Amino acid sequence: MAQEDLNVSLLTNAYAEWSASKAANGRCWLDLMADNATLRSLPDGAPELAFTARRTSRAEIEAYLDDLVRDWEMIHAHMTEFIAQGDRVVVLGDVAWRNRATGKVVQTRKVDVWQFRNGKAIHFEELFDTAAAMAAATPGPDAAAASGTGAAVRPRD
């Protein structure tokens, strides 16, 4: 099996496990990570999404996952396209999460970029609608719904 195909297979299985467990099983990600793996998220630790701060080791990525599921409940994660070239895989899909503190739901397109070396992930970067996620994490009326922008939305499932 070509390395690109192997990387896609590893990720396909991990995303399926993550989705089926509704984010209860972070081990599927940690098993993929090199000890010195890095994680970068578009909000980069913004106060409303502090868990998204940069991480530079498998242990720090485990803390990211713990903080994510502490603050958010997965409604769904449908990652449907896997595009591999060389040591990178780009994954496209849709996700929806409910903020545990506010009860607000965010549904957004999601793009994940992975880089592998020797069968282990050495870098992960995620991109999603940060404005919608921040709105869902902010207490009070849903400003996006009130303004008609639709940033924080109701789940479709």
N, C-alpha and C. Protein backbone atom coordinates (compact mmCIF):
# COMPACT_ATOMS: atom_id res chain seq x y z
N MET A 1 0.86 -1.18 0.00
CA MET A 1 0.00 0.00 0.00
C MET A 1 0.90 1.24 0.00
N ALA A 2 0.60 2.17 -0.87
CA ALA A 2 1.35 3.43 -0.95
C ALA A 2 1.17 4.22 0.35
N GLN A 3 2.17 5.02 0.69
CA GLN A 3 2.12 5.79 1.93
C GLN A 3 0.91 6.73 1.97
N GLU A 4 0.58 7.36 0.84
CA GLU A 4 -0.60 8.24 0.81
C GLU A 4 -1.86 7.46 1.17
N ASP A 5 -2.00 6.26 0.59
CA ASP A 5 -3.17 5.43 0.87
C ASP A 5 -3.20 5.00 2.34
N LEU A 6 -2.05 4.68 2.89
CA LEU A 6 -1.97 4.30 4.29
C LEU A 6 -2.38 5.46 5.20
N ASN A 7 -1.90 6.65 4.91
CA ASN A 7 -2.26 7.82 5.71
C ASN A 7 -3.77 8.07 5.66
N VAL A 8 -4.36 7.97 4.46
CA VAL A 8 -5.81 8.16 4.33
C VAL A 8 -6.55 7.08 5.09
N SER A 9 -6.09 5.87 5.03
CA SER A 9 -6.74 4.77 5.75
C SER A 9 -6.69 5.01 7.26
N LEU A 10 -5.54 5.42 7.77
CA LEU A 10 -5.42 5.72 9.21
C LEU A 10 -6.42 6.79 9.62
N LEU A 11 -6.51 7.85 8.81
CA LEU A 11 -7.41 8.96 9.15
C LEU A 11 -8.87 8.57 8.98
N THR A 12 -9.20 7.84 7.94
CA THR A 12 -10.59 7.40 7.74
C THR A 12 -11.07 6.62 8.96
N ASN A 13 -10.24 5.71 9.43
CA ASN A 13 -10.61 4.91 10.60
C ASN A 13 -10.73 5.77 11.86
N ALA A 14 -9.80 6.69 12.05
CA ALA A 14 -9.83 7.55 13.24
C ALA A 14 -11.07 8.45 13.24
N TYR A 15 -11.38 9.07 12.09
CA TYR A 15 -12.56 9.93 12.03
C TYR A 15 -13.84 9.12 12.26
N ALA A 16 -13.90 7.91 11.73
CA ALA A 16 -15.08 7.07 11.94
C ALA A 16 -15.25 6.75 13.42
N GLU A 17 -14.15 6.42 14.10
CA GLU A 17 -14.20 6.11 15.53
C GLU A 17 -14.59 7.34 16.34
N TRP A 18 -14.00 8.48 16.02
CA TRP A 18 -14.28 9.75 16.71
C TRP A 18 -15.76 10.11 16.57
N SER A 19 -16.29 9.99 15.35
CA SER A 19 -17.68 10.32 15.09
C SER A 19 -18.62 9.34 15.80
N ALA A 20 -18.33 8.05 15.70
CA ALA A 20 -19.19 7.03 16.31
C ALA A 20 -19.23 7.18 17.83
N SER A 21 -18.13 7.59 18.43
CA SER A 21 -18.07 7.75 19.89
C SER A 21 -18.58 9.11 20.35
N LYS A 22 -18.96 9.97 19.41
CA LYS A 22 -19.38 11.35 19.72
C LYS A 22 -18.30 12.05 20.54
N ALA A 23 -17.04 11.85 20.15
CA ALA A 23 -15.86 12.49 20.73
C ALA A 23 -15.47 11.91 22.09
N ALA A 24 -16.06 10.78 22.47
CA ALA A 24 -15.71 10.17 23.75
C ALA A 24 -14.37 9.44 23.71
N ASN A 25 -13.91 9.11 22.49
CA ASN A 25 -12.67 8.35 22.38
C ASN A 25 -11.59 9.18 21.70
N GLY A 26 -10.83 9.91 22.48
CA GLY A 26 -9.71 10.68 21.94
C GLY A 26 -8.49 9.82 21.65
N ARG A 27 -8.50 8.59 22.13
CA ARG A 27 -7.37 7.68 21.91
C ARG A 27 -7.15 7.46 20.42
N CYS A 28 -8.21 7.53 19.61
CA CYS A 28 -8.06 7.33 18.17
C CYS A 28 -7.11 8.36 17.57
N TRP A 29 -7.06 9.56 18.14
CA TRP A 29 -6.14 10.59 17.66
C TRP A 29 -4.75 10.42 18.27
N LEU A 30 -4.71 10.14 19.54
CA LEU A 30 -3.41 10.04 20.22
C LEU A 30 -2.58 8.89 19.66
N ASP A 31 -3.24 7.82 19.26
CA ASP A 31 -2.52 6.68 18.67
C ASP A 31 -1.87 7.05 17.34
N LEU A 32 -2.39 8.06 16.66
CA LEU A 32 -1.83 8.50 15.37
C LEU A 32 -0.63 9.43 15.53
N MET A 33 -0.52 10.08 16.70
CA MET A 33 0.42 11.19 16.87
C MET A 33 1.83 10.73 17.23
N ALA A 34 2.80 11.39 16.62
CA ALA A 34 4.19 11.25 17.06
C ALA A 34 4.31 11.96 18.41
N ASP A 35 5.32 11.60 19.18
CA ASP A 35 5.51 12.22 20.50
C ASP A 35 5.64 13.73 20.41
N ASN A 36 6.28 14.22 19.36
CA ASN A 36 6.53 15.66 19.21
C ASN A 36 5.57 16.30 18.20
N ALA A 37 4.39 15.71 18.03
CA ALA A 37 3.40 16.25 17.09
C ALA A 37 2.97 17.65 17.53
N THR A 38 2.56 18.46 16.55
CA THR A 38 2.07 19.79 16.83
C THR A 38 0.62 19.92 16.37
N LEU A 39 -0.11 20.80 17.02
CA LEU A 39 -1.50 21.08 16.68
C LEU A 39 -1.67 22.58 16.59
N ARG A 40 -2.34 23.00 15.56
CA ARG A 40 -2.66 24.41 15.38
C ARG A 40 -4.12 24.52 14.99
N SER A 41 -4.82 25.46 15.62
CA SER A 41 -6.24 25.67 15.35
C SER A 41 -6.44 27.12 14.98
N LEU A 42 -7.32 27.39 14.05
CA LEU A 42 -7.51 28.75 13.55
C LEU A 42 -7.76 29.79 14.65
N PRO A 43 -8.56 29.52 15.70
CA PRO A 43 -8.77 30.54 16.73
C PRO A 43 -7.53 30.79 17.59
N ASP A 44 -6.57 29.89 17.58
CA ASP A 44 -5.27 30.07 18.23
C ASP A 44 -5.38 30.52 19.69
N GLY A 45 -6.28 29.86 20.44
CA GLY A 45 -6.39 30.15 21.87
C GLY A 45 -7.19 31.39 22.22
N ALA A 46 -8.02 31.88 21.31
CA ALA A 46 -8.88 33.04 21.62
C ALA A 46 -9.63 32.77 22.93
N PRO A 47 -9.90 33.80 23.74
CA PRO A 47 -10.51 33.59 25.06
C PRO A 47 -11.77 32.72 25.04
N GLU A 48 -12.63 32.88 24.05
CA GLU A 48 -13.86 32.08 23.99
C GLU A 48 -13.57 30.62 23.65
N LEU A 49 -12.41 30.36 23.06
CA LEU A 49 -12.03 29.01 22.63
C LEU A 49 -10.61 28.72 23.09
N ALA A 50 -10.38 28.89 24.37
CA ALA A 50 -9.03 28.77 24.92
C ALA A 50 -8.39 27.42 24.63
N PHE A 51 -9.19 26.37 24.53
CA PHE A 51 -8.64 25.04 24.26
C PHE A 51 -7.90 24.97 22.93
N THR A 52 -8.12 25.94 22.05
CA THR A 52 -7.51 25.91 20.71
C THR A 52 -6.09 26.46 20.67
N ALA A 53 -5.51 26.74 21.83
CA ALA A 53 -4.12 27.23 21.86
C ALA A 53 -3.20 26.20 21.21
N ARG A 54 -2.11 26.66 20.63
CA ARG A 54 -1.16 25.77 19.96
C ARG A 54 -0.63 24.72 20.93
N ARG A 55 -0.43 23.53 20.40
CA ARG A 55 0.09 22.41 21.19
C ARG A 55 1.32 21.86 20.48
N THR A 56 2.30 21.40 21.27
CA THR A 56 3.57 20.99 20.67
C THR A 56 4.05 19.61 21.12
N SER A 57 3.13 18.79 21.61
CA SER A 57 3.48 17.42 21.98
C SER A 57 2.20 16.58 22.05
N ARG A 58 2.38 15.27 22.05
CA ARG A 58 1.21 14.39 22.17
C ARG A 58 0.50 14.66 23.50
N ALA A 59 1.24 14.88 24.58
CA ALA A 59 0.62 15.16 25.89
C ALA A 59 -0.21 16.44 25.84
N GLU A 60 0.29 17.47 25.18
CA GLU A 60 -0.47 18.72 25.05
C GLU A 60 -1.70 18.53 24.16
N ILE A 61 -1.58 17.69 23.14
CA ILE A 61 -2.73 17.40 22.28
C ILE A 61 -3.79 16.63 23.07
N GLU A 62 -3.37 15.76 23.96
CA GLU A 62 -4.33 15.07 24.83
C GLU A 62 -5.08 16.08 25.69
N ALA A 63 -4.38 17.10 26.21
CA ALA A 63 -5.04 18.15 27.00
C ALA A 63 -6.03 18.93 26.13
N TYR A 64 -5.67 19.20 24.87
CA TYR A 64 -6.59 19.85 23.93
C TYR A 64 -7.88 19.04 23.82
N LEU A 65 -7.76 17.73 23.60
CA LEU A 65 -8.93 16.87 23.46
C LEU A 65 -9.77 16.86 24.74
N ASP A 66 -9.10 16.78 25.90
CA ASP A 66 -9.82 16.80 27.17
C ASP A 66 -10.59 18.11 27.34
N ASP A 67 -9.94 19.23 27.01
CA ASP A 67 -10.60 20.53 27.14
C ASP A 67 -11.75 20.68 26.15
N LEU A 68 -11.56 20.18 24.94
CA LEU A 68 -12.61 20.24 23.93
C LEU A 68 -13.87 19.54 24.42
N VAL A 69 -13.75 18.30 24.87
CA VAL A 69 -14.95 17.55 25.28
C VAL A 69 -15.49 18.01 26.63
N ARG A 70 -14.67 18.68 27.42
CA ARG A 70 -15.16 19.28 28.66
C ARG A 70 -16.12 20.43 28.33
N ASP A 71 -15.78 21.22 27.30
CA ASP A 71 -16.53 22.43 26.97
C ASP A 71 -17.60 22.24 25.89
N TRP A 72 -17.46 21.19 25.08
CA TRP A 72 -18.33 21.01 23.92
C TRP A 72 -18.83 19.58 23.83
N GLU A 73 -20.05 19.43 23.33
CA GLU A 73 -20.65 18.12 23.09
C GLU A 73 -20.82 17.96 21.56
N MET A 74 -20.26 16.88 21.04
CA MET A 74 -20.39 16.64 19.59
C MET A 74 -21.83 16.24 19.26
N ILE A 75 -22.37 16.88 18.24
CA ILE A 75 -23.66 16.49 17.68
C ILE A 75 -23.41 15.58 16.48
N HIS A 76 -22.52 16.04 15.61
CA HIS A 76 -22.08 15.17 14.51
C HIS A 76 -20.76 15.66 13.95
N ALA A 77 -20.08 14.74 13.31
CA ALA A 77 -18.85 15.06 12.57
C ALA A 77 -18.86 14.18 11.33
N HIS A 78 -19.09 14.81 10.20
CA HIS A 78 -19.15 14.09 8.92
C HIS A 78 -17.98 14.57 8.06
N MET A 79 -16.87 13.87 8.17
CA MET A 79 -15.69 14.20 7.36
C MET A 79 -15.73 13.28 6.15
N THR A 80 -15.89 13.88 4.97
CA THR A 80 -16.27 13.08 3.81
C THR A 80 -15.26 13.04 2.67
N GLU A 81 -14.33 13.99 2.65
CA GLU A 81 -13.35 14.02 1.56
C GLU A 81 -11.94 13.96 2.13
N PHE A 82 -11.12 13.08 1.55
CA PHE A 82 -9.74 12.90 1.97
C PHE A 82 -8.87 13.07 0.74
N ILE A 83 -8.02 14.07 0.76
CA ILE A 83 -7.18 14.41 -0.40
C ILE A 83 -5.73 14.30 0.05
N ALA A 84 -5.02 13.34 -0.54
CA ALA A 84 -3.65 13.07 -0.12
C ALA A 84 -2.67 13.43 -1.22
N GLN A 85 -1.57 14.03 -0.81
CA GLN A 85 -0.45 14.30 -1.71
C GLN A 85 0.81 14.27 -0.87
N GLY A 86 1.72 13.40 -1.24
CA GLY A 86 2.96 13.29 -0.49
C GLY A 86 2.68 12.93 0.96
N ASP A 87 3.24 13.70 1.89
CA ASP A 87 3.08 13.40 3.32
C ASP A 87 1.89 14.13 3.95
N ARG A 88 1.06 14.78 3.14
CA ARG A 88 -0.08 15.54 3.67
C ARG A 88 -1.42 14.96 3.23
N VAL A 89 -2.39 15.11 4.13
CA VAL A 89 -3.77 14.73 3.83
C VAL A 89 -4.65 15.89 4.28
N VAL A 90 -5.51 16.34 3.37
CA VAL A 90 -6.50 17.38 3.68
C VAL A 90 -7.85 16.67 3.79
N VAL A 91 -8.56 16.96 4.88
CA VAL A 91 -9.85 16.32 5.14
C VAL A 91 -10.91 17.41 5.21
N LEU A 92 -12.01 17.21 4.47
CA LEU A 92 -13.10 18.18 4.41
C LEU A 92 -14.38 17.55 4.95
N GLY A 93 -15.17 18.36 5.62
CA GLY A 93 -16.44 17.85 6.12
C GLY A 93 -17.27 18.91 6.81
N ASP A 94 -18.26 18.43 7.53
CA ASP A 94 -19.17 19.28 8.31
C ASP A 94 -19.21 18.75 9.73
N VAL A 95 -19.24 19.68 10.70
CA VAL A 95 -19.35 19.29 12.10
C VAL A 95 -20.39 20.17 12.79
N ALA A 96 -20.92 19.66 13.88
CA ALA A 96 -21.82 20.44 14.73
C ALA A 96 -21.51 20.07 16.18
N TRP A 97 -21.40 21.10 17.01
CA TRP A 97 -21.09 20.94 18.43
C TRP A 97 -21.99 21.83 19.25
N ARG A 98 -22.31 21.39 20.46
CA ARG A 98 -23.09 22.19 21.40
C ARG A 98 -22.16 22.62 22.54
N ASN A 99 -22.15 23.92 22.81
CA ASN A 99 -21.35 24.41 23.93
C ASN A 99 -22.06 24.02 25.22
N ARG A 100 -21.34 23.37 26.12
CA ARG A 100 -21.94 22.87 27.36
C ARG A 100 -22.37 24.00 28.29
N ALA A 101 -21.69 25.12 28.28
CA ALA A 101 -22.02 26.23 29.18
C ALA A 101 -23.21 27.05 28.68
N THR A 102 -23.28 27.28 27.38
CA THR A 102 -24.34 28.15 26.84
C THR A 102 -25.51 27.38 26.24
N GLY A 103 -25.29 26.12 25.88
CA GLY A 103 -26.33 25.34 25.22
C GLY A 103 -26.46 25.66 23.74
N LYS A 104 -25.69 26.62 23.25
CA LYS A 104 -25.76 27.02 21.84
C LYS A 104 -25.03 26.01 20.96
N VAL A 105 -25.53 25.89 19.74
CA VAL A 105 -24.98 24.94 18.77
C VAL A 105 -24.29 25.70 17.65
N VAL A 106 -23.17 25.18 17.23
CA VAL A 106 -22.49 25.70 16.05
C VAL A 106 -22.37 24.55 15.04
N GLN A 107 -22.72 24.85 13.81
CA GLN A 107 -22.53 23.91 12.70
C GLN A 107 -21.65 24.62 11.68
N THR A 108 -20.61 23.95 11.23
CA THR A 108 -19.67 24.61 10.34
C THR A 108 -18.99 23.61 9.42
N ARG A 109 -18.55 24.10 8.29
CA ARG A 109 -17.62 23.33 7.45
C ARG A 109 -16.32 23.24 8.21
N LYS A 110 -15.59 22.18 7.99
CA LYS A 110 -14.32 22.00 8.68
C LYS A 110 -13.29 21.48 7.70
N VAL A 111 -12.09 22.03 7.81
CA VAL A 111 -10.95 21.58 7.01
C VAL A 111 -9.84 21.21 7.97
N ASP A 112 -9.36 19.99 7.86
CA ASP A 112 -8.23 19.54 8.67
C ASP A 112 -7.07 19.22 7.74
N VAL A 113 -5.89 19.66 8.12
CA VAL A 113 -4.68 19.41 7.34
C VAL A 113 -3.72 18.61 8.22
N TRP A 114 -3.33 17.45 7.73
CA TRP A 114 -2.45 16.54 8.45
C TRP A 114 -1.13 16.40 7.71
N GLN A 115 -0.07 16.21 8.48
CA GLN A 115 1.23 15.89 7.89
C GLN A 115 1.76 14.66 8.64
N PHE A 116 2.26 13.69 7.86
CA PHE A 116 2.74 12.43 8.42
C PHE A 116 4.22 12.24 8.14
N ARG A 117 4.85 11.50 9.04
CA ARG A 117 6.23 11.05 8.83
C ARG A 117 6.35 9.67 9.47
N ASN A 118 6.81 8.72 8.70
CA ASN A 118 7.00 7.35 9.21
C ASN A 118 5.74 6.77 9.85
N GLY A 119 4.58 7.03 9.23
CA GLY A 119 3.33 6.45 9.70
C GLY A 119 2.70 7.13 10.90
N LYS A 120 3.28 8.25 11.36
CA LYS A 120 2.73 8.99 12.50
C LYS A 120 2.45 10.42 12.09
N ALA A 121 1.40 11.00 12.65
CA ALA A 121 1.07 12.39 12.39
C ALA A 121 2.06 13.28 13.14
N ILE A 122 2.68 14.20 12.41
CA ILE A 122 3.61 15.13 13.06
C ILE A 122 3.03 16.54 13.15
N HIS A 123 1.96 16.80 12.38
CA HIS A 123 1.32 18.11 12.44
C HIS A 123 -0.14 17.98 12.07
N PHE A 124 -0.98 18.72 12.80
CA PHE A 124 -2.41 18.78 12.55
C PHE A 124 -2.82 20.24 12.63
N GLU A 125 -3.59 20.68 11.65
CA GLU A 125 -4.11 22.05 11.65
C GLU A 125 -5.58 21.99 11.28
N GLU A 126 -6.43 22.72 12.05
CA GLU A 126 -7.86 22.72 11.76
C GLU A 126 -8.35 24.13 11.47
N LEU A 127 -9.28 24.21 10.53
CA LEU A 127 -9.89 25.47 10.15
C LEU A 127 -11.41 25.28 10.15
N PHE A 128 -12.10 26.23 10.77
CA PHE A 128 -13.55 26.18 10.85
C PHE A 128 -14.06 27.60 11.07
N ASP A 129 -15.36 27.77 11.09
CA ASP A 129 -15.95 29.10 11.27
C ASP A 129 -15.77 29.54 12.71
N THR A 130 -14.68 30.26 12.96
CA THR A 130 -14.37 30.67 14.33
C THR A 130 -15.37 31.67 14.87
N ALA A 131 -15.89 32.54 14.04
CA ALA A 131 -16.89 33.52 14.51
C ALA A 131 -18.13 32.79 15.03
N ALA A 132 -18.56 31.78 14.32
CA ALA A 132 -19.74 31.01 14.76
C ALA A 132 -19.43 30.26 16.05
N ALA A 133 -18.26 29.67 16.16
CA ALA A 133 -17.89 28.94 17.37
C ALA A 133 -17.79 29.90 18.56
N MET A 134 -17.21 31.06 18.34
CA MET A 134 -17.11 32.05 19.42
C MET A 134 -18.49 32.52 19.85
N ALA A 135 -19.39 32.73 18.90
CA ALA A 135 -20.76 33.14 19.24
C ALA A 135 -21.45 32.06 20.06
N ALA A 136 -21.24 30.80 19.71
CA ALA A 136 -21.86 29.70 20.46
C ALA A 136 -21.28 29.59 21.86
N ALA A 137 -20.03 29.99 22.05
CA ALA A 137 -19.38 29.90 23.35
C ALA A 137 -19.64 31.13 24.23
N THR A 138 -20.28 32.14 23.68
CA THR A 138 -20.51 33.38 24.41
C THR A 138 -21.90 33.36 25.05
N PRO A 139 -21.98 33.54 26.38
CA PRO A 139 -23.29 33.56 27.04
C PRO A 139 -24.16 34.70 26.54
N GLY A 140 -25.44 34.54 26.72
CA GLY A 140 -26.39 35.58 26.34
C GLY A 140 -27.11 35.22 25.07
N PRO A 141 -27.92 36.16 24.58
CA PRO A 141 -28.69 35.91 23.36
C PRO A 141 -27.76 35.59 22.20
N ASP A 142 -28.25 34.81 21.29
CA ASP A 142 -27.48 34.45 20.12
C ASP A 142 -27.46 35.63 19.18
N ALA A 143 -26.38 36.41 19.24
CA ALA A 143 -26.26 37.63 18.43
C ALA A 143 -26.35 37.32 16.95
N ALA A 144 -25.79 36.21 16.53
CA ALA A 144 -25.81 35.86 15.11
C ALA A 144 -27.24 35.60 14.64
N ALA A 145 -28.02 34.87 15.45
CA ALA A 145 -29.40 34.59 15.06
C ALA A 145 -30.21 35.88 15.05
N ALA A 146 -29.95 36.75 16.03
CA ALA A 146 -30.69 38.02 16.10
C ALA A 146 -30.37 38.90 14.90
N SER A 147 -29.11 38.84 14.44
CA SER A 147 -28.73 39.70 13.32
C SER A 147 -29.06 39.07 11.97
N GLY A 148 -29.42 37.78 12.00
CA GLY A 148 -29.75 37.10 10.76
C GLY A 148 -28.55 36.54 10.04
N THR A 149 -27.36 36.55 10.64
CA THR A 149 -26.19 36.02 9.94
C THR A 149 -26.12 34.52 10.00
N GLY A 150 -26.78 33.91 10.99
CA GLY A 150 -26.83 32.46 11.06
C GLY A 150 -25.53 31.81 11.51
N ALA A 151 -24.67 32.53 12.22
CA ALA A 151 -23.38 31.96 12.63
C ALA A 151 -23.55 30.78 13.56
N ALA A 152 -24.38 30.89 14.56
CA ALA A 152 -24.67 29.76 15.43
C ALA A 152 -26.03 29.24 15.00
N VAL A 153 -26.10 27.98 14.66
CA VAL A 153 -27.31 27.44 14.05
C VAL A 153 -27.80 26.23 14.82
N ARG A 154 -28.96 25.81 14.51
CA ARG A 154 -29.54 24.61 15.08
C ARG A 154 -28.96 23.40 14.35
N PRO A 155 -28.84 22.27 15.04
CA PRO A 155 -28.28 21.09 14.36
C PRO A 155 -29.21 20.60 13.28
N ARG A 156 -28.61 20.01 12.24
CA ARG A 156 -29.48 19.46 11.20
C ARG A 156 -29.79 18.00 11.46
N ASP A 157 -29.09 17.35 12.37
CA ASP A 157 -29.38 15.94 12.69
C ASP A 157 -30.44 15.85 13.76
